[in-house]
Amino acid sequence: MEDIWKRDEIESPCVNLCVMHPKAEICMGCFRTLDEIANWSSFSATARESLIKELPARQKLLKPMRKNRKNIHSPK
């Protein structure tokens, strides 16, 4: 009966940690932009796969920013 809910789509990378980095404008949980999150369901399998491959590089870019959290919220 559980096979009914299985799909042949690439799963969303969402990890339910939905916090947007204020400078990078990337979710600190899944490393996608708001547009990518909003449009995920309409992306083709190829587009989803391509995006999934980009996420580790985004994660590496965001890590140094996360370590220096006091600068994230400092006034401009």
PDB file of N, CA and C in Angstrom:
ATOM      1  N   MET A   1       0.814  -1.204   0.000  1.00  0.00           N
ATOM      2  CA  MET A   1       0.000   0.000   0.000  1.00  0.00           C
ATOM      3  C   MET A   1       0.857   1.268   0.000  1.00  0.00           C
ATOM      4  N   GLU A   2       2.037   1.236   0.610  1.00  0.00           N
ATOM      5  CA  GLU A   2       2.902   2.408   0.664  1.00  0.00           C
ATOM      6  C   GLU A   2       3.450   2.783  -0.707  1.00  0.00           C
ATOM      7  N   ASP A   3       3.468   1.861  -1.651  1.00  0.00           N
ATOM      8  CA  ASP A   3       3.970   2.147  -2.992  1.00  0.00           C
ATOM      9  C   ASP A   3       3.148   3.219  -3.693  1.00  0.00           C
ATOM     10  N   ILE A   4       1.938   3.424  -3.268  1.00  0.00           N
ATOM     11  CA  ILE A   4       1.079   4.444  -3.871  1.00  0.00           C
ATOM     12  C   ILE A   4       1.720   5.819  -3.736  1.00  0.00           C
ATOM     13  N   TRP A   5       2.396   6.091  -2.626  1.00  0.00           N
ATOM     14  CA  TRP A   5       2.957   7.399  -2.344  1.00  0.00           C
ATOM     15  C   TRP A   5       4.367   7.583  -2.896  1.00  0.00           C
ATOM     16  N   LYS A   6       4.972   6.552  -3.437  1.00  0.00           N
ATOM     17  CA  LYS A   6       6.313   6.680  -3.992  1.00  0.00           C
ATOM     18  C   LYS A   6       6.240   7.347  -5.356  1.00  0.00           C
ATOM     19  N   ARG A   7       7.215   8.232  -5.612  1.00  0.00           N
ATOM     20  CA  ARG A   7       7.253   8.949  -6.879  1.00  0.00           C
ATOM     21  C   ARG A   7       8.640   8.809  -7.475  1.00  0.00           C
ATOM     22  N   ASP A   8       8.724   8.954  -8.767  1.00  0.00           N
ATOM     23  CA  ASP A   8      10.004   8.861  -9.464  1.00  0.00           C
ATOM     24  C   ASP A   8      10.650  10.235  -9.642  1.00  0.00           C
ATOM     25  N   GLU A   9      10.340  11.157  -8.763  1.00  0.00           N
ATOM     26  CA  GLU A   9      10.886  12.503  -8.856  1.00  0.00           C
ATOM     27  C   GLU A   9      12.063  12.652  -7.901  1.00  0.00           C
ATOM     28  N   ILE A  10      12.926  13.609  -8.203  1.00  0.00           N
ATOM     29  CA  ILE A  10      14.007  13.941  -7.292  1.00  0.00           C
ATOM     30  C   ILE A  10      13.384  14.649  -6.097  1.00  0.00           C
ATOM     31  N   GLU A  11      13.663  14.127  -4.909  1.00  0.00           N
ATOM     32  CA  GLU A  11      13.094  14.690  -3.689  1.00  0.00           C
ATOM     33  C   GLU A  11      13.626  16.095  -3.431  1.00  0.00           C
ATOM     34  N   SER A  12      12.830  16.885  -2.779  1.00  0.00           N
ATOM     35  CA  SER A  12      13.251  18.214  -2.382  1.00  0.00           C
ATOM     36  C   SER A  12      14.400  18.111  -1.374  1.00  0.00           C
ATOM     37  N   PRO A  13      15.379  19.006  -1.465  1.00  0.00           N
ATOM     38  CA  PRO A  13      16.481  18.981  -0.508  1.00  0.00           C
ATOM     39  C   PRO A  13      16.116  19.631   0.833  1.00  0.00           C
ATOM     40  N   CYS A  14      14.877  20.025   1.003  1.00  0.00           N
ATOM     41  CA  CYS A  14      14.437  20.679   2.234  1.00  0.00           C
ATOM     42  C   CYS A  14      14.705  19.784   3.448  1.00  0.00           C
ATOM     43  N   VAL A  15      15.268  20.395   4.497  1.00  0.00           N
ATOM     44  CA  VAL A  15      15.543  19.666   5.745  1.00  0.00           C
ATOM     45  C   VAL A  15      14.768  20.279   6.907  1.00  0.00           C
ATOM     46  N   ASN A  16      13.751  21.083   6.591  1.00  0.00           N
ATOM     47  CA  ASN A  16      12.892  21.735   7.577  1.00  0.00           C
ATOM     48  C   ASN A  16      13.654  22.658   8.516  1.00  0.00           C
ATOM     49  N   LEU A  17      14.694  23.286   8.006  1.00  0.00           N
ATOM     50  CA  LEU A  17      15.417  24.342   8.712  1.00  0.00           C
ATOM     51  C   LEU A  17      15.335  25.552   7.800  1.00  0.00           C
ATOM     52  N   CYS A  18      14.183  26.182   7.789  1.00  0.00           N
ATOM     53  CA  CYS A  18      13.878  27.224   6.811  1.00  0.00           C
ATOM     54  C   CYS A  18      14.200  28.601   7.377  1.00  0.00           C
ATOM     55  N   VAL A  19      15.459  28.987   7.215  1.00  0.00           N
ATOM     56  CA  VAL A  19      15.934  30.292   7.657  1.00  0.00           C
ATOM     57  C   VAL A  19      16.759  30.888   6.526  1.00  0.00           C
ATOM     58  N   MET A  20      16.340  32.045   6.051  1.00  0.00           N
ATOM     59  CA  MET A  20      17.061  32.681   4.954  1.00  0.00           C
ATOM     60  C   MET A  20      18.224  33.498   5.497  1.00  0.00           C
ATOM     61  N   HIS A  21      19.390  33.294   4.908  1.00  0.00           N
ATOM     62  CA  HIS A  21      20.553  34.092   5.269  1.00  0.00           C
ATOM     63  C   HIS A  21      20.310  35.497   4.736  1.00  0.00           C
ATOM     64  N   PRO A  22      20.391  36.526   5.588  1.00  0.00           N
ATOM     65  CA  PRO A  22      19.997  37.867   5.155  1.00  0.00           C
ATOM     66  C   PRO A  22      20.883  38.485   4.073  1.00  0.00           C
ATOM     67  N   LYS A  23      22.130  38.095   3.997  1.00  0.00           N
ATOM     68  CA  LYS A  23      23.008  38.666   2.969  1.00  0.00           C
ATOM     69  C   LYS A  23      23.079  37.786   1.731  1.00  0.00           C
ATOM     70  N   ALA A  24      23.251  36.491   1.924  1.00  0.00           N
ATOM     71  CA  ALA A  24      23.387  35.575   0.790  1.00  0.00           C
ATOM     72  C   ALA A  24      22.042  35.288   0.129  1.00  0.00           C
ATOM     73  N   GLU A  25      20.934  35.520   0.851  1.00  0.00           N
ATOM     74  CA  GLU A  25      19.580  35.240   0.373  1.00  0.00           C
ATOM     75  C   GLU A  25      19.421  33.788  -0.065  1.00  0.00           C
ATOM     76  N   ILE A  26      20.007  32.904   0.748  1.00  0.00           N
ATOM     77  CA  ILE A  26      19.946  31.461   0.532  1.00  0.00           C
ATOM     78  C   ILE A  26      19.452  30.827   1.824  1.00  0.00           C
ATOM     79  N   CYS A  27      18.608  29.824   1.709  1.00  0.00           N
ATOM     80  CA  CYS A  27      18.127  29.105   2.881  1.00  0.00           C
ATOM     81  C   CYS A  27      19.309  28.406   3.557  1.00  0.00           C
ATOM     82  N   MET A  28      19.442  28.573   4.850  1.00  0.00           N
ATOM     83  CA  MET A  28      20.559  27.977   5.588  1.00  0.00           C
ATOM     84  C   MET A  28      20.350  26.487   5.839  1.00  0.00           C
ATOM     85  N   GLY A  29      19.193  25.978   5.494  1.00  0.00           N
ATOM     86  CA  GLY A  29      18.929  24.550   5.632  1.00  0.00           C
ATOM     87  C   GLY A  29      19.201  23.775   4.359  1.00  0.00           C
ATOM     88  N   CYS A  30      18.617  24.242   3.246  1.00  0.00           N
ATOM     89  CA  CYS A  30      18.742  23.501   1.981  1.00  0.00           C
ATOM     90  C   CYS A  30      19.625  24.195   0.951  1.00  0.00           C
ATOM     91  N   PHE A  31      20.005  25.448   1.217  1.00  0.00           N
ATOM     92  CA  PHE A  31      20.912  26.216   0.357  1.00  0.00           C
ATOM     93  C   PHE A  31      20.302  26.618  -0.980  1.00  0.00           C
ATOM     94  N   ARG A  32      18.973  26.698  -1.019  1.00  0.00           N
ATOM     95  CA  ARG A  32      18.291  27.173  -2.227  1.00  0.00           C
ATOM     96  C   ARG A  32      17.839  28.617  -2.022  1.00  0.00           C
ATOM     97  N   THR A  33      17.605  29.317  -3.138  1.00  0.00           N
ATOM     98  CA  THR A  33      17.041  30.667  -3.081  1.00  0.00           C
ATOM     99  C   THR A  33      15.530  30.553  -2.901  1.00  0.00           C
ATOM    100  N   LEU A  34      14.897  31.678  -2.567  1.00  0.00           N
ATOM    101  CA  LEU A  34      13.434  31.665  -2.437  1.00  0.00           C
ATOM    102  C   LEU A  34      12.762  31.267  -3.744  1.00  0.00           C
ATOM    103  N   ASP A  35      13.271  31.765  -4.865  1.00  0.00           N
ATOM    104  CA  ASP A  35      12.695  31.411  -6.165  1.00  0.00           C
ATOM    105  C   ASP A  35      12.819  29.914  -6.432  1.00  0.00           C
ATOM    106  N   GLU A  36      13.958  29.348  -6.104  1.00  0.00           N
ATOM    107  CA  GLU A  36      14.155  27.908  -6.321  1.00  0.00           C
ATOM    108  C   GLU A  36      13.230  27.082  -5.438  1.00  0.00           C
ATOM    109  N   ILE A  37      13.029  27.532  -4.212  1.00  0.00           N
ATOM    110  CA  ILE A  37      12.116  26.829  -3.301  1.00  0.00           C
ATOM    111  C   ILE A  37      10.689  26.922  -3.828  1.00  0.00           C
ATOM    112  N   ALA A  38      10.283  28.120  -4.206  1.00  0.00           N
ATOM    113  CA  ALA A  38       8.906  28.339  -4.679  1.00  0.00           C
ATOM    114  C   ALA A  38       8.604  27.589  -5.971  1.00  0.00           C
ATOM    115  N   ASN A  39       9.604  27.461  -6.832  1.00  0.00           N
ATOM    116  CA  ASN A  39       9.378  26.851  -8.142  1.00  0.00           C
ATOM    117  C   ASN A  39       9.790  25.386  -8.233  1.00  0.00           C
ATOM    118  N   TRP A  40      10.229  24.801  -7.130  1.00  0.00           N
ATOM    119  CA  TRP A  40      10.727  23.423  -7.142  1.00  0.00           C
ATOM    120  C   TRP A  40       9.749  22.471  -7.815  1.00  0.00           C
ATOM    121  N   SER A  41       8.482  22.568  -7.490  1.00  0.00           N
ATOM    122  CA  SER A  41       7.499  21.610  -8.016  1.00  0.00           C
ATOM    123  C   SER A  41       7.310  21.735  -9.527  1.00  0.00           C
ATOM    124  N   SER A  42       7.657  22.877 -10.095  1.00  0.00           N
ATOM    125  CA  SER A  42       7.498  23.040 -11.542  1.00  0.00           C
ATOM    126  C   SER A  42       8.789  22.766 -12.314  1.00  0.00           C
ATOM    127  N   PHE A  43       9.897  22.533 -11.612  1.00  0.00           N
ATOM    128  CA  PHE A  43      11.162  22.238 -12.296  1.00  0.00           C
ATOM    129  C   PHE A  43      11.126  20.853 -12.925  1.00  0.00           C
ATOM    130  N   SER A  44      11.783  20.725 -14.039  1.00  0.00           N
ATOM    131  CA  SER A  44      11.928  19.414 -14.683  1.00  0.00           C
ATOM    132  C   SER A  44      12.911  18.580 -13.858  1.00  0.00           C
ATOM    133  N   ALA A  45      12.939  17.292 -14.119  1.00  0.00           N
ATOM    134  CA  ALA A  45      13.883  16.411 -13.421  1.00  0.00           C
ATOM    135  C   ALA A  45      15.315  16.849 -13.686  1.00  0.00           C
ATOM    136  N   THR A  46      15.598  17.278 -14.898  1.00  0.00           N
ATOM    137  CA  THR A  46      16.943  17.740 -15.256  1.00  0.00           C
ATOM    138  C   THR A  46      17.313  18.998 -14.475  1.00  0.00           C
ATOM    139  N   ALA A  47      16.385  19.931 -14.367  1.00  0.00           N
ATOM    140  CA  ALA A  47      16.641  21.167 -13.622  1.00  0.00           C
ATOM    141  C   ALA A  47      16.845  20.871 -12.138  1.00  0.00           C
ATOM    142  N   ARG A  48      16.044  19.974 -11.591  1.00  0.00           N
ATOM    143  CA  ARG A  48      16.200  19.594 -10.177  1.00  0.00           C
ATOM    144  C   ARG A  48      17.557  18.948  -9.941  1.00  0.00           C
ATOM    145  N   GLU A  49      17.938  18.038 -10.812  1.00  0.00           N
ATOM    146  CA  GLU A  49      19.223  17.354 -10.674  1.00  0.00           C
ATOM    147  C   GLU A  49      20.384  18.339 -10.758  1.00  0.00           C
ATOM    148  N   SER A  50      20.291  19.279 -11.668  1.00  0.00           N
ATOM    149  CA  SER A  50      21.328  20.296 -11.829  1.00  0.00           C
ATOM    150  C   SER A  50      21.447  21.152 -10.570  1.00  0.00           C
ATOM    151  N   LEU A  51      20.314  21.550 -10.034  1.00  0.00           N
ATOM    152  CA  LEU A  51      20.310  22.360  -8.819  1.00  0.00           C
ATOM    153  C   LEU A  51      20.876  21.584  -7.634  1.00  0.00           C
ATOM    154  N   ILE A  52      20.485  20.336  -7.493  1.00  0.00           N
ATOM    155  CA  ILE A  52      20.989  19.490  -6.395  1.00  0.00           C
ATOM    156  C   ILE A  52      22.518  19.429  -6.449  1.00  0.00           C
ATOM    157  N   LYS A  53      23.076  19.369  -7.650  1.00  0.00           N
ATOM    158  CA  LYS A  53      24.534  19.298  -7.792  1.00  0.00           C
ATOM    159  C   LYS A  53      25.222  20.593  -7.373  1.00  0.00           C
ATOM    160  N   GLU A  54      24.518  21.726  -7.453  1.00  0.00           N
ATOM    161  CA  GLU A  54      25.080  23.028  -7.084  1.00  0.00           C
ATOM    162  C   GLU A  54      25.091  23.262  -5.572  1.00  0.00           C
ATOM    163  N   LEU A  55      24.222  22.594  -4.852  1.00  0.00           N
ATOM    164  CA  LEU A  55      24.020  22.899  -3.436  1.00  0.00           C
ATOM    165  C   LEU A  55      25.262  22.707  -2.564  1.00  0.00           C
ATOM    166  N   PRO A  56      26.085  21.672  -2.756  1.00  0.00           N
ATOM    167  CA  PRO A  56      27.283  21.544  -1.909  1.00  0.00           C
ATOM    168  C   PRO A  56      28.230  22.745  -2.025  1.00  0.00           C
ATOM    169  N   ALA A  57      28.359  23.311  -3.206  1.00  0.00           N
ATOM    170  CA  ALA A  57      29.218  24.491  -3.378  1.00  0.00           C
ATOM    171  C   ALA A  57      28.629  25.689  -2.635  1.00  0.00           C
ATOM    172  N   ARG A  58      27.328  25.820  -2.679  1.00  0.00           N
ATOM    173  CA  ARG A  58      26.671  26.909  -1.946  1.00  0.00           C
ATOM    174  C   ARG A  58      26.866  26.730  -0.447  1.00  0.00           C
ATOM    175  N   GLN A  59      26.782  25.493   0.000  1.00  0.00           N
ATOM    176  CA  GLN A  59      26.970  25.208   1.420  1.00  0.00           C
ATOM    177  C   GLN A  59      28.367  25.642   1.864  1.00  0.00           C
ATOM    178  N   LYS A  60      29.364  25.355   1.050  1.00  0.00           N
ATOM    179  CA  LYS A  60      30.743  25.739   1.382  1.00  0.00           C
ATOM    180  C   LYS A  60      30.889  27.255   1.449  1.00  0.00           C
ATOM    181  N   LEU A  61      30.209  27.976   0.575  1.00  0.00           N
ATOM    182  CA  LEU A  61      30.268  29.433   0.594  1.00  0.00           C
ATOM    183  C   LEU A  61      29.581  30.011   1.826  1.00  0.00           C
ATOM    184  N   LEU A  62      28.516  29.358   2.247  1.00  0.00           N
ATOM    185  CA  LEU A  62      27.724  29.874   3.356  1.00  0.00           C
ATOM    186  C   LEU A  62      28.361  29.573   4.712  1.00  0.00           C
ATOM    187  N   LYS A  63      29.101  28.481   4.828  1.00  0.00           N
ATOM    188  CA  LYS A  63      29.688  28.112   6.117  1.00  0.00           C
ATOM    189  C   LYS A  63      30.544  29.214   6.733  1.00  0.00           C
ATOM    190  N   PRO A  64      31.453  29.851   5.966  1.00  0.00           N
ATOM    191  CA  PRO A  64      32.230  30.926   6.601  1.00  0.00           C
ATOM    192  C   PRO A  64      31.346  32.070   7.107  1.00  0.00           C
ATOM    193  N   MET A  65      30.259  32.346   6.408  1.00  0.00           N
ATOM    194  CA  MET A  65      29.337  33.399   6.836  1.00  0.00           C
ATOM    195  C   MET A  65      28.634  33.001   8.126  1.00  0.00           C
ATOM    196  N   ARG A  66      28.279  31.715   8.261  1.00  0.00           N
ATOM    197  CA  ARG A  66      27.576  31.247   9.449  1.00  0.00           C
ATOM    198  C   ARG A  66      28.477  31.284  10.671  1.00  0.00           C
ATOM    199  N   LYS A  67      29.770  31.047  10.508  1.00  0.00           N
ATOM    200  CA  LYS A  67      30.695  31.076  11.635  1.00  0.00           C
ATOM    201  C   LYS A  67      30.832  32.480  12.202  1.00  0.00           C
ATOM    202  N   ASN A  68      30.684  33.466  11.359  1.00  0.00           N
ATOM    203  CA  ASN A  68      30.838  34.847  11.773  1.00  0.00           C
ATOM    204  C   ASN A  68      29.454  35.479  11.948  1.00  0.00           C
ATOM    205  N   ARG A  69      28.610  34.844  12.741  1.00  0.00           N
ATOM    206  CA  ARG A  69      27.214  35.238  12.851  1.00  0.00           C
ATOM    207  C   ARG A  69      27.006  36.650  13.378  1.00  0.00           C
ATOM    208  N   LYS A  70      27.907  37.163  14.186  1.00  0.00           N
ATOM    209  CA  LYS A  70      27.685  38.508  14.715  1.00  0.00           C
ATOM    210  C   LYS A  70      27.666  39.545  13.597  1.00  0.00           C
ATOM    211  N   ASN A  71      28.320  39.268  12.476  1.00  0.00           N
ATOM    212  CA  ASN A  71      28.315  40.200  11.358  1.00  0.00           C
ATOM    213  C   ASN A  71      27.074  40.090  10.499  1.00  0.00           C
ATOM    214  N   ILE A  72      26.332  39.020  10.635  1.00  0.00           N
ATOM    215  CA  ILE A  72      25.131  38.831   9.814  1.00  0.00           C
ATOM    216  C   ILE A  72      24.098  39.905  10.126  1.00  0.00           C
ATOM    217  N   HIS A  73      23.908  40.205  11.400  1.00  0.00           N
ATOM    218  CA  HIS A  73      22.841  41.110  11.799  1.00  0.00           C
ATOM    219  C   HIS A  73      23.329  42.519  12.099  1.00  0.00           C
ATOM    220  N   SER A  74      24.578  42.805  11.834  1.00  0.00           N
ATOM    221  CA  SER A  74      25.080  44.135  12.131  1.00  0.00           C
ATOM    222  C   SER A  74      24.496  45.143  11.148  1.00  0.00           C
ATOM    223  N   PRO A  75      24.249  46.360  11.607  1.00  0.00           N
ATOM    224  CA  PRO A  75      23.664  47.376  10.728  1.00  0.00           C
ATOM    225  C   PRO A  75      24.622  47.729   9.588  1.00  0.00           C
ATOM    226  N   LYS A  76      24.036  48.104   8.473  1.00  0.00           N
ATOM    227  CA  LYS A  76      24.835  48.467   7.291  1.00  0.00           C
ATOM    228  C   LYS A  76      25.410  49.862   7.438  1.00  0.00           C
TER     229      LYS A  76
END
